[in-house]
Amino acid sequence: MSAPRELRSIGLNIFITHFETFALLRDRKSIARFCVENGISNESGAAIRASYMEKVLKDNDLLRECLTYIRERGRNTAQTEKAARILEQLDG
């Protein structure tokens, strides 16, 4: 199983580390601004990440696919546990 393209473009670590913030911001402009202001990306990279993150947040199947990938293939326990928690909340 390879990572979804959107997850690869956002960056696995950035996706899971900032998931809650991105989920609260939800729109492309706010997510891009957050990325630039917090030194995550320059303006070009932030626009790309924000576009893909907005797409993931609007598509529950894609969101589950990204979180499942992290849960199963995350690099550390904190990432995999966080992905599992978010998936549980979605199933809530």
PDB file of N, CA and C in Angstrom:
ATOM      1  N   MET A   1       0.852  -1.182   0.000  1.00  0.00           N
ATOM      2  CA  MET A   1       0.000   0.000   0.000  1.00  0.00           C
ATOM      3  C   MET A   1       0.894   1.240   0.000  1.00  0.00           C
ATOM      4  N   SER A   2       0.733   2.073  -1.008  1.00  0.00           N
ATOM      5  CA  SER A   2       1.502   3.314  -1.027  1.00  0.00           C
ATOM      6  C   SER A   2       0.636   4.445  -0.472  1.00  0.00           C
ATOM      7  N   ALA A   3       1.301   5.479  -0.017  1.00  0.00           N
ATOM      8  CA  ALA A   3       0.586   6.619   0.553  1.00  0.00           C
ATOM      9  C   ALA A   3      -0.217   7.323  -0.537  1.00  0.00           C
ATOM     10  N   PRO A   4      -1.401   7.795  -0.196  1.00  0.00           N
ATOM     11  CA  PRO A   4      -2.171   8.564  -1.163  1.00  0.00           C
ATOM     12  C   PRO A   4      -1.374   9.784  -1.628  1.00  0.00           C
ATOM     13  N   ARG A   5      -1.539  10.134  -2.874  1.00  0.00           N
ATOM     14  CA  ARG A   5      -0.810  11.267  -3.453  1.00  0.00           C
ATOM     15  C   ARG A   5      -0.974  12.533  -2.610  1.00  0.00           C
ATOM     16  N   GLU A   6      -2.182  12.784  -2.158  1.00  0.00           N
ATOM     17  CA  GLU A   6      -2.447  13.981  -1.366  1.00  0.00           C
ATOM     18  C   GLU A   6      -1.622  13.979  -0.080  1.00  0.00           C
ATOM     19  N   LEU A   7      -1.537  12.833   0.562  1.00  0.00           N
ATOM     20  CA  LEU A   7      -0.759  12.724   1.795  1.00  0.00           C
ATOM     21  C   LEU A   7       0.727  12.946   1.508  1.00  0.00           C
ATOM     22  N   ARG A   8       1.218  12.397   0.425  1.00  0.00           N
ATOM     23  CA  ARG A   8       2.625  12.604   0.055  1.00  0.00           C
ATOM     24  C   ARG A   8       2.897  14.077  -0.219  1.00  0.00           C
ATOM     25  N   SER A   9       1.949  14.767  -0.841  1.00  0.00           N
ATOM     26  CA  SER A   9       2.135  16.183  -1.158  1.00  0.00           C
ATOM     27  C   SER A   9       2.077  17.069   0.085  1.00  0.00           C
ATOM     28  N   ILE A  10       1.229  16.707   1.013  1.00  0.00           N
ATOM     29  CA  ILE A  10       1.132  17.466   2.269  1.00  0.00           C
ATOM     30  C   ILE A  10       2.342  17.168   3.145  1.00  0.00           C
ATOM     31  N   GLY A  11       2.731  15.916   3.177  1.00  0.00           N
ATOM     32  CA  GLY A  11       3.801  15.462   4.058  1.00  0.00           C
ATOM     33  C   GLY A  11       3.180  14.749   5.238  1.00  0.00           C
ATOM     34  N   LEU A  12       3.548  13.496   5.421  1.00  0.00           N
ATOM     35  CA  LEU A  12       2.947  12.674   6.477  1.00  0.00           C
ATOM     36  C   LEU A  12       3.089  13.339   7.843  1.00  0.00           C
ATOM     37  N   ASN A  13       4.284  13.790   8.171  1.00  0.00           N
ATOM     38  CA  ASN A  13       4.515  14.377   9.487  1.00  0.00           C
ATOM     39  C   ASN A  13       3.717  15.663   9.672  1.00  0.00           C
ATOM     40  N   ILE A  14       3.699  16.508   8.658  1.00  0.00           N
ATOM     41  CA  ILE A  14       2.938  17.753   8.740  1.00  0.00           C
ATOM     42  C   ILE A  14       1.451  17.456   8.854  1.00  0.00           C
ATOM     43  N   PHE A  15       0.965  16.502   8.071  1.00  0.00           N
ATOM     44  CA  PHE A  15      -0.446  16.126   8.103  1.00  0.00           C
ATOM     45  C   PHE A  15      -0.879  15.729   9.511  1.00  0.00           C
ATOM     46  N   ILE A  16      -0.160  14.805  10.114  1.00  0.00           N
ATOM     47  CA  ILE A  16      -0.590  14.283  11.413  1.00  0.00           C
ATOM     48  C   ILE A  16      -0.290  15.244  12.549  1.00  0.00           C
ATOM     49  N   THR A  17       0.815  15.969  12.468  1.00  0.00           N
ATOM     50  CA  THR A  17       1.179  16.915  13.531  1.00  0.00           C
ATOM     51  C   THR A  17       0.183  18.065  13.624  1.00  0.00           C
ATOM     52  N   HIS A  18      -0.248  18.574  12.490  1.00  0.00           N
ATOM     53  CA  HIS A  18      -1.103  19.765  12.470  1.00  0.00           C
ATOM     54  C   HIS A  18      -2.551  19.453  12.076  1.00  0.00           C
ATOM     55  N   PHE A  19      -2.937  18.202  12.145  1.00  0.00           N
ATOM     56  CA  PHE A  19      -4.266  17.804  11.676  1.00  0.00           C
ATOM     57  C   PHE A  19      -5.394  18.599  12.333  1.00  0.00           C
ATOM     58  N   GLU A  20      -5.362  18.704  13.647  1.00  0.00           N
ATOM     59  CA  GLU A  20      -6.452  19.388  14.348  1.00  0.00           C
ATOM     60  C   GLU A  20      -6.569  20.841  13.906  1.00  0.00           C
ATOM     61  N   THR A  21      -5.441  21.510  13.760  1.00  0.00           N
ATOM     62  CA  THR A  21      -5.459  22.911  13.321  1.00  0.00           C
ATOM     63  C   THR A  21      -6.010  23.020  11.908  1.00  0.00           C
ATOM     64  N   PHE A  22      -5.533  22.162  11.014  1.00  0.00           N
ATOM     65  CA  PHE A  22      -6.032  22.182   9.643  1.00  0.00           C
ATOM     66  C   PHE A  22      -7.538  21.906   9.609  1.00  0.00           C
ATOM     67  N   ALA A  23      -7.984  20.986  10.432  1.00  0.00           N
ATOM     68  CA  ALA A  23      -9.407  20.642  10.459  1.00  0.00           C
ATOM     69  C   ALA A  23     -10.250  21.823  10.950  1.00  0.00           C
ATOM     70  N   LEU A  24      -9.716  22.591  11.872  1.00  0.00           N
ATOM     71  CA  LEU A  24     -10.442  23.774  12.352  1.00  0.00           C
ATOM     72  C   LEU A  24     -10.445  24.894  11.314  1.00  0.00           C
ATOM     73  N   LEU A  25      -9.326  25.071  10.631  1.00  0.00           N
ATOM     74  CA  LEU A  25      -9.225  26.143   9.635  1.00  0.00           C
ATOM     75  C   LEU A  25     -10.043  25.824   8.385  1.00  0.00           C
ATOM     76  N   ARG A  26      -9.957  24.593   7.917  1.00  0.00           N
ATOM     77  CA  ARG A  26     -10.725  24.012   6.817  1.00  0.00           C
ATOM     78  C   ARG A  26     -10.520  24.621   5.433  1.00  0.00           C
ATOM     79  N   ASP A  27     -10.361  25.932   5.305  1.00  0.00           N
ATOM     80  CA  ASP A  27     -10.270  26.492   3.955  1.00  0.00           C
ATOM     81  C   ASP A  27      -8.810  26.708   3.539  1.00  0.00           C
ATOM     82  N   ARG A  28      -8.628  26.687   2.252  1.00  0.00           N
ATOM     83  CA  ARG A  28      -7.302  26.736   1.636  1.00  0.00           C
ATOM     84  C   ARG A  28      -6.487  27.951   2.072  1.00  0.00           C
ATOM     85  N   LYS A  29      -7.091  29.126   2.057  1.00  0.00           N
ATOM     86  CA  LYS A  29      -6.350  30.352   2.393  1.00  0.00           C
ATOM     87  C   LYS A  29      -5.870  30.341   3.839  1.00  0.00           C
ATOM     88  N   SER A  30      -6.721  29.908   4.739  1.00  0.00           N
ATOM     89  CA  SER A  30      -6.352  29.883   6.158  1.00  0.00           C
ATOM     90  C   SER A  30      -5.259  28.854   6.422  1.00  0.00           C
ATOM     91  N   ILE A  31      -5.364  27.706   5.793  1.00  0.00           N
ATOM     92  CA  ILE A  31      -4.347  26.665   5.971  1.00  0.00           C
ATOM     93  C   ILE A  31      -3.007  27.143   5.406  1.00  0.00           C
ATOM     94  N   ALA A  32      -3.036  27.757   4.231  1.00  0.00           N
ATOM     95  CA  ALA A  32      -1.797  28.267   3.627  1.00  0.00           C
ATOM     96  C   ALA A  32      -1.164  29.331   4.523  1.00  0.00           C
ATOM     97  N   ARG A  33      -1.961  30.243   5.025  1.00  0.00           N
ATOM     98  CA  ARG A  33      -1.453  31.289   5.915  1.00  0.00           C
ATOM     99  C   ARG A  33      -0.805  30.672   7.152  1.00  0.00           C
ATOM    100  N   PHE A  34      -1.471  29.682   7.742  1.00  0.00           N
ATOM    101  CA  PHE A  34      -0.928  29.001   8.919  1.00  0.00           C
ATOM    102  C   PHE A  34       0.430  28.384   8.596  1.00  0.00           C
ATOM    103  N   CYS A  35       0.530  27.731   7.447  1.00  0.00           N
ATOM    104  CA  CYS A  35       1.788  27.084   7.059  1.00  0.00           C
ATOM    105  C   CYS A  35       2.922  28.087   6.898  1.00  0.00           C
ATOM    106  N   VAL A  36       2.638  29.224   6.287  1.00  0.00           N
ATOM    107  CA  VAL A  36       3.661  30.252   6.091  1.00  0.00           C
ATOM    108  C   VAL A  36       4.036  30.881   7.431  1.00  0.00           C
ATOM    109  N   GLU A  37       3.042  31.255   8.213  1.00  0.00           N
ATOM    110  CA  GLU A  37       3.294  31.927   9.492  1.00  0.00           C
ATOM    111  C   GLU A  37       4.049  31.049  10.485  1.00  0.00           C
ATOM    112  N   ASN A  38       3.904  29.744  10.368  1.00  0.00           N
ATOM    113  CA  ASN A  38       4.561  28.830  11.302  1.00  0.00           C
ATOM    114  C   ASN A  38       5.810  28.178  10.720  1.00  0.00           C
ATOM    115  N   GLY A  39       6.260  28.684   9.582  1.00  0.00           N
ATOM    116  CA  GLY A  39       7.504  28.207   8.993  1.00  0.00           C
ATOM    117  C   GLY A  39       7.440  26.791   8.448  1.00  0.00           C
ATOM    118  N   ILE A  40       6.249  26.302   8.168  1.00  0.00           N
ATOM    119  CA  ILE A  40       6.086  24.954   7.630  1.00  0.00           C
ATOM    120  C   ILE A  40       6.456  24.936   6.153  1.00  0.00           C
ATOM    121  N   SER A  41       6.089  25.992   5.445  1.00  0.00           N
ATOM    122  CA  SER A  41       6.312  26.076   3.998  1.00  0.00           C
ATOM    123  C   SER A  41       6.514  27.525   3.595  1.00  0.00           C
ATOM    124  N   ASN A  42       7.140  27.703   2.436  1.00  0.00           N
ATOM    125  CA  ASN A  42       7.108  29.031   1.828  1.00  0.00           C
ATOM    126  C   ASN A  42       5.741  29.191   1.176  1.00  0.00           C
ATOM    127  N   GLU A  43       5.494  30.329   0.555  1.00  0.00           N
ATOM    128  CA  GLU A  43       4.153  30.583   0.007  1.00  0.00           C
ATOM    129  C   GLU A  43       3.749  29.573  -1.064  1.00  0.00           C
ATOM    130  N   SER A  44       4.675  29.205  -1.934  1.00  0.00           N
ATOM    131  CA  SER A  44       4.340  28.241  -2.991  1.00  0.00           C
ATOM    132  C   SER A  44       4.016  26.875  -2.408  1.00  0.00           C
ATOM    133  N   GLY A  45       4.859  26.396  -1.511  1.00  0.00           N
ATOM    134  CA  GLY A  45       4.628  25.095  -0.878  1.00  0.00           C
ATOM    135  C   GLY A  45       3.365  25.086  -0.040  1.00  0.00           C
ATOM    136  N   ALA A  46       3.107  26.203   0.634  1.00  0.00           N
ATOM    137  CA  ALA A  46       1.910  26.305   1.471  1.00  0.00           C
ATOM    138  C   ALA A  46       0.645  26.221   0.618  1.00  0.00           C
ATOM    139  N   ALA A  47       0.672  26.844  -0.547  1.00  0.00           N
ATOM    140  CA  ALA A  47      -0.497  26.802  -1.422  1.00  0.00           C
ATOM    141  C   ALA A  47      -0.789  25.377  -1.881  1.00  0.00           C
ATOM    142  N   ILE A  48       0.267  24.645  -2.205  1.00  0.00           N
ATOM    143  CA  ILE A  48       0.096  23.245  -2.626  1.00  0.00           C
ATOM    144  C   ILE A  48      -0.430  22.397  -1.477  1.00  0.00           C
ATOM    145  N   ARG A  49       0.218  22.503  -0.319  1.00  0.00           N
ATOM    146  CA  ARG A  49      -0.220  21.726   0.848  1.00  0.00           C
ATOM    147  C   ARG A  49      -1.667  22.056   1.207  1.00  0.00           C
ATOM    148  N   ALA A  50      -1.997  23.341   1.212  1.00  0.00           N
ATOM    149  CA  ALA A  50      -3.341  23.763   1.598  1.00  0.00           C
ATOM    150  C   ALA A  50      -4.394  23.230   0.629  1.00  0.00           C
ATOM    151  N   SER A  51      -4.071  23.241  -0.643  1.00  0.00           N
ATOM    152  CA  SER A  51      -5.009  22.736  -1.646  1.00  0.00           C
ATOM    153  C   SER A  51      -5.301  21.256  -1.415  1.00  0.00           C
ATOM    154  N   TYR A  52      -4.252  20.481  -1.192  1.00  0.00           N
ATOM    155  CA  TYR A  52      -4.444  19.046  -0.946  1.00  0.00           C
ATOM    156  C   TYR A  52      -5.126  18.791   0.397  1.00  0.00           C
ATOM    157  N   MET A  53      -4.793  19.572   1.412  1.00  0.00           N
ATOM    158  CA  MET A  53      -5.407  19.364   2.722  1.00  0.00           C
ATOM    159  C   MET A  53      -6.895  19.678   2.663  1.00  0.00           C
ATOM    160  N   GLU A  54      -7.254  20.727   1.964  1.00  0.00           N
ATOM    161  CA  GLU A  54      -8.672  21.055   1.802  1.00  0.00           C
ATOM    162  C   GLU A  54      -9.409  19.905   1.107  1.00  0.00           C
ATOM    163  N   LYS A  55      -8.782  19.347   0.086  1.00  0.00           N
ATOM    164  CA  LYS A  55      -9.378  18.211  -0.629  1.00  0.00           C
ATOM    165  C   LYS A  55      -9.583  17.022   0.310  1.00  0.00           C
ATOM    166  N   VAL A  56      -8.577  16.706   1.124  1.00  0.00           N
ATOM    167  CA  VAL A  56      -8.668  15.580   2.062  1.00  0.00           C
ATOM    168  C   VAL A  56      -9.786  15.823   3.079  1.00  0.00           C
ATOM    169  N   LEU A  57      -9.872  17.032   3.603  1.00  0.00           N
ATOM    170  CA  LEU A  57     -10.878  17.329   4.620  1.00  0.00           C
ATOM    171  C   LEU A  57     -12.303  17.261   4.076  1.00  0.00           C
ATOM    172  N   LYS A  58     -12.474  17.464   2.789  1.00  0.00           N
ATOM    173  CA  LYS A  58     -13.804  17.438   2.185  1.00  0.00           C
ATOM    174  C   LYS A  58     -14.227  16.049   1.713  1.00  0.00           C
ATOM    175  N   ASP A  59     -13.298  15.115   1.697  1.00  0.00           N
ATOM    176  CA  ASP A  59     -13.563  13.766   1.182  1.00  0.00           C
ATOM    177  C   ASP A  59     -13.307  12.747   2.295  1.00  0.00           C
ATOM    178  N   ASN A  60     -14.379  12.281   2.930  1.00  0.00           N
ATOM    179  CA  ASN A  60     -14.230  11.364   4.070  1.00  0.00           C
ATOM    180  C   ASN A  60     -13.498  10.075   3.711  1.00  0.00           C
ATOM    181  N   ASP A  61     -13.722   9.560   2.520  1.00  0.00           N
ATOM    182  CA  ASP A  61     -13.028   8.332   2.113  1.00  0.00           C
ATOM    183  C   ASP A  61     -11.529   8.578   1.986  1.00  0.00           C
ATOM    184  N   LEU A  62     -11.163   9.683   1.399  1.00  0.00           N
ATOM    185  CA  LEU A  62      -9.750  10.030   1.257  1.00  0.00           C
ATOM    186  C   LEU A  62      -9.129  10.305   2.628  1.00  0.00           C
ATOM    187  N   LEU A  63      -9.853  10.971   3.500  1.00  0.00           N
ATOM    188  CA  LEU A  63      -9.376  11.230   4.854  1.00  0.00           C
ATOM    189  C   LEU A  63      -9.092   9.913   5.579  1.00  0.00           C
ATOM    190  N   ARG A  64     -10.027   8.985   5.485  1.00  0.00           N
ATOM    191  CA  ARG A  64      -9.831   7.669   6.116  1.00  0.00           C
ATOM    192  C   ARG A  64      -8.637   6.932   5.512  1.00  0.00           C
ATOM    193  N   GLU A  65      -8.485   7.042   4.199  1.00  0.00           N
ATOM    194  CA  GLU A  65      -7.358   6.386   3.536  1.00  0.00           C
ATOM    195  C   GLU A  65      -6.022   6.950   4.049  1.00  0.00           C
ATOM    196  N   CYS A  66      -5.940   8.260   4.183  1.00  0.00           N
ATOM    197  CA  CYS A  66      -4.714   8.885   4.691  1.00  0.00           C
ATOM    198  C   CYS A  66      -4.440   8.466   6.135  1.00  0.00           C
ATOM    199  N   LEU A  67      -5.466   8.530   6.967  1.00  0.00           N
ATOM    200  CA  LEU A  67      -5.290   8.168   8.377  1.00  0.00           C
ATOM    201  C   LEU A  67      -4.965   6.688   8.543  1.00  0.00           C
ATOM    202  N   THR A  68      -5.588   5.841   7.744  1.00  0.00           N
ATOM    203  CA  THR A  68      -5.303   4.406   7.798  1.00  0.00           C
ATOM    204  C   THR A  68      -3.863   4.137   7.394  1.00  0.00           C
ATOM    205  N   TYR A  69      -3.397   4.812   6.368  1.00  0.00           N
ATOM    206  CA  TYR A  69      -2.005   4.650   5.947  1.00  0.00           C
ATOM    207  C   TYR A  69      -1.060   5.031   7.090  1.00  0.00           C
ATOM    208  N   ILE A  70      -1.324   6.154   7.749  1.00  0.00           N
ATOM    209  CA  ILE A  70      -0.461   6.588   8.852  1.00  0.00           C
ATOM    210  C   ILE A  70      -0.546   5.601  10.009  1.00  0.00           C
ATOM    211  N   ARG A  71      -1.747   5.138  10.315  1.00  0.00           N
ATOM    212  CA  ARG A  71      -1.907   4.174  11.411  1.00  0.00           C
ATOM    213  C   ARG A  71      -1.104   2.909  11.149  1.00  0.00           C
ATOM    214  N   GLU A  72      -1.095   2.460   9.917  1.00  0.00           N
ATOM    215  CA  GLU A  72      -0.421   1.209   9.585  1.00  0.00           C
ATOM    216  C   GLU A  72       1.061   1.379   9.267  1.00  0.00           C
ATOM    217  N   ARG A  73       1.450   2.534   8.763  1.00  0.00           N
ATOM    218  CA  ARG A  73       2.824   2.705   8.293  1.00  0.00           C
ATOM    219  C   ARG A  73       3.534   3.914   8.870  1.00  0.00           C
ATOM    220  N   GLY A  74       2.961   4.536   9.896  1.00  0.00           N
ATOM    221  CA  GLY A  74       3.588   5.716  10.495  1.00  0.00           C
ATOM    222  C   GLY A  74       4.988   5.402  11.006  1.00  0.00           C
ATOM    223  N   ARG A  75       5.802   6.431  11.075  1.00  0.00           N
ATOM    224  CA  ARG A  75       7.211   6.252  11.445  1.00  0.00           C
ATOM    225  C   ARG A  75       7.435   6.086  12.931  1.00  0.00           C
ATOM    226  N   ASN A  76       6.489   6.553  13.725  1.00  0.00           N
ATOM    227  CA  ASN A  76       6.668   6.396  15.168  1.00  0.00           C
ATOM    228  C   ASN A  76       5.321   6.138  15.836  1.00  0.00           C
ATOM    229  N   THR A  77       5.391   5.711  17.066  1.00  0.00           N
ATOM    230  CA  THR A  77       4.195   5.329  17.804  1.00  0.00           C
ATOM    231  C   THR A  77       3.235   6.495  17.981  1.00  0.00           C
ATOM    232  N   ALA A  78       3.772   7.687  18.221  1.00  0.00           N
ATOM    233  CA  ALA A  78       2.902   8.851  18.425  1.00  0.00           C
ATOM    234  C   ALA A  78       2.047   9.109  17.181  1.00  0.00           C
ATOM    235  N   GLN A  79       2.637   8.988  16.001  1.00  0.00           N
ATOM    236  CA  GLN A  79       1.892   9.200  14.759  1.00  0.00           C
ATOM    237  C   GLN A  79       0.816   8.142  14.584  1.00  0.00           C
ATOM    238  N   THR A  80       1.192   6.893  14.785  1.00  0.00           N
ATOM    239  CA  THR A  80       0.224   5.813  14.561  1.00  0.00           C
ATOM    240  C   THR A  80      -0.915   5.877  15.570  1.00  0.00           C
ATOM    241  N   GLU A  81      -0.601   6.203  16.823  1.00  0.00           N
ATOM    242  CA  GLU A  81      -1.640   6.301  17.842  1.00  0.00           C
ATOM    243  C   GLU A  81      -2.574   7.473  17.579  1.00  0.00           C
ATOM    244  N   LYS A  82      -2.015   8.595  17.147  1.00  0.00           N
ATOM    245  CA  LYS A  82      -2.852   9.763  16.845  1.00  0.00           C
ATOM    246  C   LYS A  82      -3.785   9.462  15.677  1.00  0.00           C
ATOM    247  N   ALA A  83      -3.269   8.829  14.643  1.00  0.00           N
ATOM    248  CA  ALA A  83      -4.107   8.459  13.497  1.00  0.00           C
ATOM    249  C   ALA A  83      -5.225   7.518  13.936  1.00  0.00           C
ATOM    250  N   ALA A  84      -4.898   6.556  14.790  1.00  0.00           N
ATOM    251  CA  ALA A  84      -5.912   5.614  15.286  1.00  0.00           C
ATOM    252  C   ALA A  84      -6.990   6.346  16.082  1.00  0.00           C
ATOM    253  N   ARG A  85      -6.590   7.312  16.920  1.00  0.00           N
ATOM    254  CA  ARG A  85      -7.560   8.092  17.705  1.00  0.00           C
ATOM    255  C   ARG A  85      -8.505   8.887  16.802  1.00  0.00           C
ATOM    256  N   ILE A  86      -7.936   9.515  15.773  1.00  0.00           N
ATOM    257  CA  ILE A  86      -8.758  10.312  14.882  1.00  0.00           C
ATOM    258  C   ILE A  86      -9.739   9.419  14.128  1.00  0.00           C
ATOM    259  N   LEU A  87      -9.267   8.248  13.688  1.00  0.00           N
ATOM    260  CA  LEU A  87     -10.163   7.306  13.019  1.00  0.00           C
ATOM    261  C   LEU A  87     -11.300   6.864  13.937  1.00  0.00           C
ATOM    262  N   GLU A  88     -10.985   6.623  15.194  1.00  0.00           N
ATOM    263  CA  GLU A  88     -12.020   6.242  16.161  1.00  0.00           C
ATOM    264  C   GLU A  88     -13.054   7.355  16.322  1.00  0.00           C
ATOM    265  N   GLN A  89     -12.588   8.613  16.368  1.00  0.00           N
ATOM    266  CA  GLN A  89     -13.499   9.745  16.486  1.00  0.00           C
ATOM    267  C   GLN A  89     -14.409   9.855  15.267  1.00  0.00           C
ATOM    268  N   LEU A  90     -13.861   9.575  14.095  1.00  0.00           N
ATOM    269  CA  LEU A  90     -14.671   9.616  12.872  1.00  0.00           C
ATOM    270  C   LEU A  90     -15.756   8.544  12.892  1.00  0.00           C
ATOM    271  N   ASP A  91     -15.411   7.395  13.474  1.00  0.00           N
ATOM    272  CA  ASP A  91     -16.376   6.304  13.566  1.00  0.00           C
ATOM    273  C   ASP A  91     -17.399   6.517  14.659  1.00  0.00           C
ATOM    274  N   GLY A  92     -16.996   7.392  15.639  1.00  0.00           N
ATOM    275  CA  GLY A  92     -17.748   7.734  16.828  1.00  0.00           C
ATOM    276  C   GLY A  92     -19.153   7.485  16.831  1.00  0.00           C
TER     277      GLY A  92
END
